[in-house]
Amino acid sequence: MADDLAPEQLRAYFVLMESASLLHHAVEQQLRAEGELSYVQFQLLMRLAGADGPLTMTELADGVVYSRSGLTHQAGLLEKAGLVTRGAGPGDQRSTVVEITDAGRERVAKVLPGHVEVTRGQLFEPLSGKDVRVLGDIMTRVRDHMRAQPPRSAAGRKRR
C-alpha cells in the first residue's frame, strides 16, 4: 500500500520510540529516587533555574510539551513542596509568574549529578563524538519540523 512506511522507516520509528521510552523510564526512576520529582517537574525546575528571574506559566508551557492544565497542577505540587512560588504577574494581573526557591535550587543540585550519570550511561556511552553531533543535528531537524505544526500543548501562545 502506498501509505505504508518503508521497512527502514518502520524500523527507525520503532527503535526511536523504544529508545526514548527506555531513557525516559531510567530518568524517571532516578529523579523519583533521588529527588521525589517527576520528569515534568524536573523540566520546570531546570527552566526556572536557568532563567534570569520569574517566568510566566505561558513561557513555561511553551517549552514543555504538556497540557496547560497539567502544567498548572505540576506547578501547584512544586509550590506545595516549597520548590517554587507563584503569583500574579507585575504587568498583567491575569498572568501567573513562577519563580524557583532556594529549596528548588537545592533539589536541582541534588538530582542533577545522577541525571547526568543516567543520561551519559544510557544515551551517550555507546556513541562516538561524531555520532553525538549527527544525532543532535538529526533530532534538531525533526524537532524543528514538529514544532512548525505542534500540538496545542507544545504551541507558543500568540501574543496580544
N, C-alpha and C. Protein backbone atom coordinates (compact mmCIF):
# COMPACT_ATOMS: atom_id res chain seq x y z
N MET A 1 0.85 -1.18 0.00
CA MET A 1 0.00 0.00 0.00
C MET A 1 0.89 1.24 0.00
N ALA A 2 0.52 2.26 -0.75
CA ALA A 2 1.32 3.47 -0.91
C ALA A 2 1.45 4.25 0.39
N ASP A 3 0.49 4.10 1.30
CA ASP A 3 0.52 4.87 2.54
C ASP A 3 1.36 4.21 3.63
N ASP A 4 1.87 3.00 3.39
CA ASP A 4 2.68 2.31 4.39
C ASP A 4 4.05 2.96 4.51
N LEU A 5 4.64 2.80 5.67
CA LEU A 5 6.03 3.23 5.84
C LEU A 5 6.93 2.18 5.21
N ALA A 6 8.03 2.63 4.65
CA ALA A 6 9.02 1.71 4.12
C ALA A 6 9.60 0.91 5.30
N PRO A 7 10.08 -0.31 5.06
CA PRO A 7 10.61 -1.12 6.16
C PRO A 7 11.68 -0.40 6.98
N GLU A 8 12.58 0.34 6.32
CA GLU A 8 13.62 1.05 7.09
C GLU A 8 13.03 2.20 7.90
N GLN A 9 11.94 2.82 7.42
CA GLN A 9 11.26 3.87 8.20
C GLN A 9 10.57 3.27 9.40
N LEU A 10 9.90 2.16 9.20
CA LEU A 10 9.21 1.49 10.30
C LEU A 10 10.20 1.04 11.37
N ARG A 11 11.32 0.48 10.93
CA ARG A 11 12.36 0.05 11.88
C ARG A 11 12.90 1.25 12.66
N ALA A 12 13.22 2.33 11.95
CA ALA A 12 13.76 3.53 12.61
C ALA A 12 12.75 4.09 13.61
N TYR A 13 11.48 4.10 13.24
CA TYR A 13 10.43 4.60 14.13
C TYR A 13 10.38 3.79 15.42
N PHE A 14 10.33 2.47 15.30
CA PHE A 14 10.21 1.63 16.50
C PHE A 14 11.47 1.67 17.35
N VAL A 15 12.64 1.74 16.73
CA VAL A 15 13.88 1.85 17.50
C VAL A 15 13.92 3.18 18.26
N LEU A 16 13.52 4.26 17.59
CA LEU A 16 13.48 5.57 18.24
C LEU A 16 12.52 5.56 19.43
N MET A 17 11.30 5.06 19.22
CA MET A 17 10.30 5.07 20.28
C MET A 17 10.72 4.19 21.46
N GLU A 18 11.28 3.02 21.18
CA GLU A 18 11.72 2.14 22.26
C GLU A 18 12.89 2.78 23.03
N SER A 19 13.83 3.37 22.30
CA SER A 19 14.96 4.02 22.96
C SER A 19 14.50 5.19 23.83
N ALA A 20 13.60 6.00 23.31
CA ALA A 20 13.08 7.14 24.08
C ALA A 20 12.35 6.65 25.32
N SER A 21 11.58 5.58 25.20
CA SER A 21 10.86 5.03 26.35
C SER A 21 11.81 4.49 27.41
N LEU A 22 12.84 3.78 26.96
CA LEU A 22 13.82 3.24 27.91
C LEU A 22 14.57 4.36 28.63
N LEU A 23 14.98 5.38 27.90
CA LEU A 23 15.67 6.52 28.51
C LEU A 23 14.75 7.25 29.47
N HIS A 24 13.54 7.50 29.05
CA HIS A 24 12.57 8.21 29.91
C HIS A 24 12.33 7.44 31.20
N HIS A 25 12.19 6.12 31.10
CA HIS A 25 11.98 5.29 32.28
C HIS A 25 13.16 5.38 33.25
N ALA A 26 14.37 5.28 32.72
CA ALA A 26 15.56 5.35 33.57
C ALA A 26 15.68 6.71 34.24
N VAL A 27 15.40 7.78 33.48
CA VAL A 27 15.46 9.14 34.04
C VAL A 27 14.39 9.32 35.11
N GLU A 28 13.17 8.89 34.83
CA GLU A 28 12.08 9.00 35.82
C GLU A 28 12.44 8.28 37.12
N GLN A 29 12.98 7.07 37.01
CA GLN A 29 13.36 6.31 38.21
C GLN A 29 14.39 7.07 39.03
N GLN A 30 15.40 7.61 38.37
CA GLN A 30 16.45 8.34 39.07
C GLN A 30 15.90 9.59 39.73
N LEU A 31 15.07 10.36 39.03
CA LEU A 31 14.52 11.60 39.59
C LEU A 31 13.61 11.32 40.78
N ARG A 32 12.80 10.28 40.68
CA ARG A 32 11.91 9.93 41.81
C ARG A 32 12.71 9.44 43.00
N ALA A 33 13.71 8.59 42.75
CA ALA A 33 14.51 8.02 43.84
C ALA A 33 15.35 9.08 44.55
N GLU A 34 15.96 9.97 43.79
CA GLU A 34 16.89 10.94 44.38
C GLU A 34 16.25 12.27 44.75
N GLY A 35 15.10 12.60 44.13
CA GLY A 35 14.55 13.92 44.39
C GLY A 35 13.04 13.99 44.52
N GLU A 36 12.36 12.82 44.48
CA GLU A 36 10.91 12.80 44.56
C GLU A 36 10.28 13.76 43.54
N LEU A 37 10.82 13.70 42.32
CA LEU A 37 10.35 14.56 41.23
C LEU A 37 9.93 13.72 40.05
N SER A 38 8.91 14.19 39.33
CA SER A 38 8.59 13.62 38.03
C SER A 38 9.49 14.31 37.00
N TYR A 39 9.52 13.76 35.80
CA TYR A 39 10.34 14.38 34.76
C TYR A 39 9.83 15.78 34.43
N VAL A 40 8.51 15.94 34.36
CA VAL A 40 7.94 17.26 34.06
C VAL A 40 8.33 18.27 35.14
N GLN A 41 8.27 17.86 36.39
CA GLN A 41 8.67 18.76 37.48
C GLN A 41 10.15 19.13 37.36
N PHE A 42 10.97 18.16 37.00
CA PHE A 42 12.39 18.42 36.79
C PHE A 42 12.59 19.42 35.65
N GLN A 43 11.87 19.24 34.54
CA GLN A 43 11.95 20.18 33.42
C GLN A 43 11.60 21.59 33.88
N LEU A 44 10.53 21.72 34.64
CA LEU A 44 10.10 23.04 35.12
C LEU A 44 11.17 23.67 36.00
N LEU A 45 11.69 22.90 36.94
CA LEU A 45 12.72 23.43 37.83
C LEU A 45 13.98 23.82 37.05
N MET A 46 14.37 23.02 36.08
CA MET A 46 15.56 23.35 35.28
C MET A 46 15.35 24.63 34.48
N ARG A 47 14.16 24.79 33.89
CA ARG A 47 13.88 26.02 33.13
C ARG A 47 13.93 27.23 34.06
N LEU A 48 13.34 27.09 35.22
CA LEU A 48 13.31 28.20 36.18
C LEU A 48 14.71 28.49 36.72
N ALA A 49 15.48 27.44 36.97
CA ALA A 49 16.84 27.62 37.49
C ALA A 49 17.73 28.34 36.48
N GLY A 50 17.46 28.16 35.20
CA GLY A 50 18.27 28.80 34.17
C GLY A 50 17.76 30.16 33.73
N ALA A 51 16.62 30.57 34.27
CA ALA A 51 16.02 31.85 33.87
C ALA A 51 16.64 33.00 34.67
N ASP A 52 16.52 34.18 34.13
CA ASP A 52 17.02 35.39 34.80
C ASP A 52 15.92 36.02 35.66
N GLY A 53 15.11 35.20 36.28
CA GLY A 53 14.01 35.69 37.10
C GLY A 53 12.78 34.84 36.88
N PRO A 54 11.65 35.30 37.38
CA PRO A 54 10.42 34.52 37.24
C PRO A 54 10.01 34.37 35.78
N LEU A 55 9.29 33.29 35.48
CA LEU A 55 8.73 33.06 34.16
C LEU A 55 7.21 32.96 34.29
N THR A 56 6.52 33.35 33.26
CA THR A 56 5.07 33.19 33.27
C THR A 56 4.74 31.72 32.99
N MET A 57 3.55 31.32 33.39
CA MET A 57 3.12 29.95 33.09
C MET A 57 3.12 29.72 31.58
N THR A 58 2.77 30.74 30.81
CA THR A 58 2.78 30.61 29.36
C THR A 58 4.19 30.35 28.86
N GLU A 59 5.18 31.07 29.38
CA GLU A 59 6.57 30.84 28.98
C GLU A 59 7.01 29.43 29.33
N LEU A 60 6.61 28.95 30.50
CA LEU A 60 6.94 27.57 30.88
C LEU A 60 6.26 26.57 29.96
N ALA A 61 4.98 26.79 29.70
CA ALA A 61 4.21 25.86 28.88
C ALA A 61 4.73 25.81 27.45
N ASP A 62 5.21 26.92 26.94
CA ASP A 62 5.69 26.97 25.56
C ASP A 62 6.91 26.07 25.35
N GLY A 63 7.67 25.80 26.40
CA GLY A 63 8.86 24.99 26.24
C GLY A 63 8.69 23.54 26.67
N VAL A 64 7.59 23.23 27.34
CA VAL A 64 7.35 21.88 27.85
C VAL A 64 6.12 21.33 27.14
N VAL A 65 6.25 20.17 26.55
CA VAL A 65 5.12 19.57 25.84
C VAL A 65 4.26 18.85 26.89
N TYR A 66 3.31 19.61 27.40
CA TYR A 66 2.45 19.13 28.48
C TYR A 66 1.21 20.00 28.44
N SER A 67 0.07 19.46 28.80
CA SER A 67 -1.15 20.27 28.76
C SER A 67 -1.04 21.44 29.74
N ARG A 68 -1.69 22.53 29.42
CA ARG A 68 -1.63 23.70 30.30
C ARG A 68 -2.23 23.39 31.67
N SER A 69 -3.33 22.62 31.70
CA SER A 69 -3.93 22.28 32.99
C SER A 69 -3.01 21.35 33.78
N GLY A 70 -2.36 20.42 33.08
CA GLY A 70 -1.40 19.53 33.75
C GLY A 70 -0.21 20.30 34.28
N LEU A 71 0.23 21.29 33.53
CA LEU A 71 1.34 22.12 33.95
C LEU A 71 0.97 22.92 35.20
N THR A 72 -0.24 23.44 35.23
CA THR A 72 -0.73 24.17 36.40
C THR A 72 -0.73 23.25 37.62
N HIS A 73 -1.17 22.02 37.43
CA HIS A 73 -1.19 21.04 38.52
C HIS A 73 0.23 20.76 39.02
N GLN A 74 1.17 20.54 38.08
CA GLN A 74 2.55 20.25 38.47
C GLN A 74 3.18 21.45 39.20
N ALA A 75 2.91 22.66 38.72
CA ALA A 75 3.43 23.86 39.40
C ALA A 75 2.85 23.95 40.80
N GLY A 76 1.58 23.57 40.96
CA GLY A 76 0.96 23.57 42.28
C GLY A 76 1.63 22.59 43.22
N LEU A 77 1.98 21.41 42.71
CA LEU A 77 2.68 20.42 43.53
C LEU A 77 4.06 20.93 43.94
N LEU A 78 4.75 21.57 42.99
CA LEU A 78 6.07 22.13 43.31
C LEU A 78 5.96 23.26 44.33
N GLU A 79 4.91 24.05 44.22
CA GLU A 79 4.69 25.13 45.18
C GLU A 79 4.40 24.56 46.57
N LYS A 80 3.56 23.55 46.63
CA LYS A 80 3.22 22.91 47.91
C LYS A 80 4.48 22.33 48.57
N ALA A 81 5.41 21.83 47.76
CA ALA A 81 6.66 21.27 48.27
C ALA A 81 7.67 22.36 48.61
N GLY A 82 7.35 23.63 48.35
CA GLY A 82 8.25 24.73 48.66
C GLY A 82 9.36 24.92 47.65
N LEU A 83 9.22 24.34 46.45
CA LEU A 83 10.28 24.42 45.44
C LEU A 83 10.11 25.59 44.49
N VAL A 84 8.89 26.12 44.38
CA VAL A 84 8.62 27.31 43.57
C VAL A 84 7.61 28.18 44.30
N THR A 85 7.52 29.41 43.86
CA THR A 85 6.44 30.31 44.30
C THR A 85 5.69 30.75 43.06
N ARG A 86 4.40 31.01 43.24
CA ARG A 86 3.58 31.52 42.13
C ARG A 86 2.88 32.78 42.60
N GLY A 87 2.68 33.68 41.67
CA GLY A 87 1.98 34.92 41.99
C GLY A 87 1.51 35.61 40.73
N ALA A 88 0.78 36.69 40.93
CA ALA A 88 0.29 37.48 39.79
C ALA A 88 1.45 38.18 39.12
N GLY A 89 1.36 38.28 37.81
CA GLY A 89 2.39 38.97 37.04
C GLY A 89 2.38 40.46 37.33
N PRO A 90 3.54 41.09 37.39
CA PRO A 90 3.60 42.51 37.73
C PRO A 90 2.93 43.42 36.71
N GLY A 91 3.02 43.08 35.43
CA GLY A 91 2.43 43.93 34.39
C GLY A 91 1.02 43.53 34.01
N ASP A 92 0.64 42.32 34.35
CA ASP A 92 -0.68 41.80 33.96
C ASP A 92 -1.17 40.89 35.07
N GLN A 93 -2.11 41.37 35.83
CA GLN A 93 -2.62 40.62 36.97
C GLN A 93 -3.29 39.31 36.56
N ARG A 94 -3.62 39.17 35.28
CA ARG A 94 -4.23 37.92 34.80
C ARG A 94 -3.20 36.84 34.58
N SER A 95 -1.93 37.21 34.43
CA SER A 95 -0.88 36.21 34.22
C SER A 95 -0.36 35.72 35.57
N THR A 96 0.19 34.52 35.53
CA THR A 96 0.80 33.94 36.73
C THR A 96 2.29 33.78 36.47
N VAL A 97 3.10 34.26 37.40
CA VAL A 97 4.54 34.08 37.29
C VAL A 97 4.98 33.04 38.30
N VAL A 98 6.03 32.31 37.91
CA VAL A 98 6.57 31.24 38.75
C VAL A 98 8.05 31.51 38.93
N GLU A 99 8.51 31.31 40.15
CA GLU A 99 9.93 31.52 40.45
C GLU A 99 10.43 30.37 41.31
N ILE A 100 11.64 29.92 41.03
CA ILE A 100 12.24 28.84 41.81
C ILE A 100 12.70 29.39 43.15
N THR A 101 12.57 28.59 44.19
CA THR A 101 13.02 28.99 45.53
C THR A 101 14.42 28.43 45.77
N ASP A 102 15.01 28.82 46.88
CA ASP A 102 16.31 28.25 47.26
C ASP A 102 16.19 26.73 47.42
N ALA A 103 15.09 26.28 48.00
CA ALA A 103 14.87 24.83 48.16
C ALA A 103 14.77 24.15 46.80
N GLY A 104 14.16 24.83 45.82
CA GLY A 104 14.08 24.29 44.47
C GLY A 104 15.45 24.16 43.84
N ARG A 105 16.29 25.18 44.05
CA ARG A 105 17.66 25.13 43.52
C ARG A 105 18.45 24.00 44.19
N GLU A 106 18.23 23.81 45.47
CA GLU A 106 18.90 22.72 46.19
C GLU A 106 18.47 21.37 45.66
N ARG A 107 17.18 21.23 45.35
CA ARG A 107 16.68 19.96 44.81
C ARG A 107 17.30 19.68 43.45
N VAL A 108 17.40 20.70 42.61
CA VAL A 108 18.04 20.54 41.30
C VAL A 108 19.49 20.11 41.49
N ALA A 109 20.20 20.76 42.38
CA ALA A 109 21.60 20.42 42.63
C ALA A 109 21.74 18.99 43.15
N LYS A 110 20.74 18.53 43.89
CA LYS A 110 20.77 17.17 44.43
C LYS A 110 20.59 16.12 43.34
N VAL A 111 19.66 16.34 42.41
CA VAL A 111 19.35 15.32 41.40
C VAL A 111 20.18 15.42 40.14
N LEU A 112 20.76 16.58 39.87
CA LEU A 112 21.46 16.78 38.60
C LEU A 112 22.63 15.83 38.37
N PRO A 113 23.49 15.57 39.35
CA PRO A 113 24.59 14.63 39.09
C PRO A 113 24.09 13.24 38.67
N GLY A 114 23.06 12.73 39.32
CA GLY A 114 22.51 11.44 38.95
C GLY A 114 21.85 11.47 37.60
N HIS A 115 21.21 12.59 37.28
CA HIS A 115 20.57 12.75 35.97
C HIS A 115 21.62 12.70 34.87
N VAL A 116 22.72 13.39 35.08
CA VAL A 116 23.82 13.39 34.10
C VAL A 116 24.38 11.98 33.95
N GLU A 117 24.55 11.29 35.06
CA GLU A 117 25.09 9.92 35.03
C GLU A 117 24.18 8.98 34.24
N VAL A 118 22.88 9.05 34.49
CA VAL A 118 21.92 8.20 33.78
C VAL A 118 21.92 8.55 32.29
N THR A 119 21.88 9.83 31.98
CA THR A 119 21.85 10.26 30.58
C THR A 119 23.11 9.83 29.85
N ARG A 120 24.25 10.05 30.48
CA ARG A 120 25.52 9.66 29.86
C ARG A 120 25.56 8.14 29.65
N GLY A 121 25.20 7.39 30.68
CA GLY A 121 25.27 5.94 30.60
C GLY A 121 24.27 5.33 29.64
N GLN A 122 23.07 5.85 29.62
CA GLN A 122 22.03 5.27 28.77
C GLN A 122 22.11 5.75 27.32
N LEU A 123 22.37 7.02 27.12
CA LEU A 123 22.29 7.59 25.77
C LEU A 123 23.64 7.77 25.09
N PHE A 124 24.60 8.34 25.78
CA PHE A 124 25.83 8.75 25.11
C PHE A 124 26.96 7.74 25.16
N GLU A 125 26.95 6.82 26.11
CA GLU A 125 28.05 5.87 26.24
C GLU A 125 28.33 5.07 24.96
N PRO A 126 27.30 4.57 24.25
CA PRO A 126 27.61 3.77 23.06
C PRO A 126 27.92 4.61 21.82
N LEU A 127 27.94 5.92 21.93
CA LEU A 127 28.12 6.79 20.76
C LEU A 127 29.49 7.44 20.75
N SER A 128 30.01 7.66 19.55
CA SER A 128 31.24 8.43 19.38
C SER A 128 30.88 9.92 19.39
N GLY A 129 31.89 10.77 19.44
CA GLY A 129 31.65 12.21 19.37
C GLY A 129 30.94 12.59 18.08
N LYS A 130 31.35 11.97 16.98
CA LYS A 130 30.70 12.24 15.69
C LYS A 130 29.23 11.79 15.73
N ASP A 131 28.98 10.62 16.32
CA ASP A 131 27.60 10.12 16.44
C ASP A 131 26.73 11.13 17.19
N VAL A 132 27.27 11.69 18.27
CA VAL A 132 26.51 12.65 19.08
C VAL A 132 26.18 13.89 18.25
N ARG A 133 27.15 14.39 17.48
CA ARG A 133 26.89 15.56 16.63
C ARG A 133 25.83 15.25 15.57
N VAL A 134 25.94 14.09 14.94
CA VAL A 134 24.98 13.70 13.91
C VAL A 134 23.59 13.52 14.52
N LEU A 135 23.52 12.82 15.65
CA LEU A 135 22.24 12.63 16.33
C LEU A 135 21.63 13.98 16.70
N GLY A 136 22.43 14.88 17.24
CA GLY A 136 21.93 16.21 17.60
C GLY A 136 21.40 16.96 16.38
N ASP A 137 22.13 16.88 15.28
CA ASP A 137 21.69 17.55 14.04
C ASP A 137 20.38 16.95 13.54
N ILE A 138 20.30 15.63 13.51
CA ILE A 138 19.08 14.97 13.03
C ILE A 138 17.89 15.30 13.92
N MET A 139 18.07 15.18 15.22
CA MET A 139 16.95 15.41 16.12
C MET A 139 16.54 16.88 16.16
N THR A 140 17.47 17.78 15.91
CA THR A 140 17.11 19.20 15.82
C THR A 140 16.22 19.44 14.61
N ARG A 141 16.56 18.84 13.48
CA ARG A 141 15.72 18.98 12.28
C ARG A 141 14.33 18.39 12.52
N VAL A 142 14.27 17.22 13.16
CA VAL A 142 12.98 16.58 13.43
C VAL A 142 12.16 17.44 14.39
N ARG A 143 12.78 17.91 15.46
CA ARG A 143 12.08 18.76 16.42
C ARG A 143 11.57 20.04 15.77
N ASP A 144 12.42 20.70 15.00
CA ASP A 144 12.01 21.95 14.35
C ASP A 144 10.85 21.71 13.39
N HIS A 145 10.88 20.59 12.67
CA HIS A 145 9.79 20.23 11.77
C HIS A 145 8.49 20.01 12.57
N MET A 146 8.59 19.30 13.67
CA MET A 146 7.41 19.03 14.50
C MET A 146 6.88 20.30 15.15
N ARG A 147 7.76 21.17 15.58
CA ARG A 147 7.34 22.42 16.22
C ARG A 147 6.74 23.40 15.22
N ALA A 148 6.96 23.20 13.94
CA ALA A 148 6.35 24.07 12.93
C ALA A 148 4.83 23.92 12.93
N GLN A 149 4.34 22.74 13.31
CA GLN A 149 2.90 22.50 13.45
C GLN A 149 2.68 21.66 14.70
N PRO A 150 2.93 22.26 15.87
CA PRO A 150 2.90 21.49 17.11
C PRO A 150 1.48 21.22 17.60
N PRO A 151 1.34 20.22 18.48
CA PRO A 151 0.06 20.06 19.17
C PRO A 151 -0.16 21.29 20.04
N ARG A 152 -1.37 21.54 20.42
CA ARG A 152 -1.69 22.74 21.21
C ARG A 152 -0.82 22.89 22.45
N SER A 153 -0.54 21.77 23.13
CA SER A 153 0.25 21.84 24.35
C SER A 153 1.69 22.26 24.09
N ALA A 154 2.16 22.12 22.84
CA ALA A 154 3.53 22.50 22.52
C ALA A 154 3.61 23.78 21.72
N ALA A 155 2.45 24.36 21.41
CA ALA A 155 2.43 25.57 20.60
C ALA A 155 2.65 26.80 21.46
N GLY A 156 3.42 27.74 20.94
CA GLY A 156 3.58 29.01 21.63
C GLY A 156 2.26 29.78 21.55
N ARG A 157 1.98 30.51 22.58
CA ARG A 157 0.75 31.31 22.57
C ARG A 157 0.97 32.56 21.77
N LYS A 158 -0.08 33.00 21.10
CA LYS A 158 0.01 34.24 20.34
C LYS A 158 -0.02 35.41 21.31
N ARG A 159 0.90 36.30 21.13
CA ARG A 159 0.98 37.49 21.98
C ARG A 159 -0.03 38.52 21.49
N ARG A 160 -0.65 39.19 22.42
CA ARG A 160 -1.64 40.23 22.05
C ARG A 160 -0.98 41.54 21.83
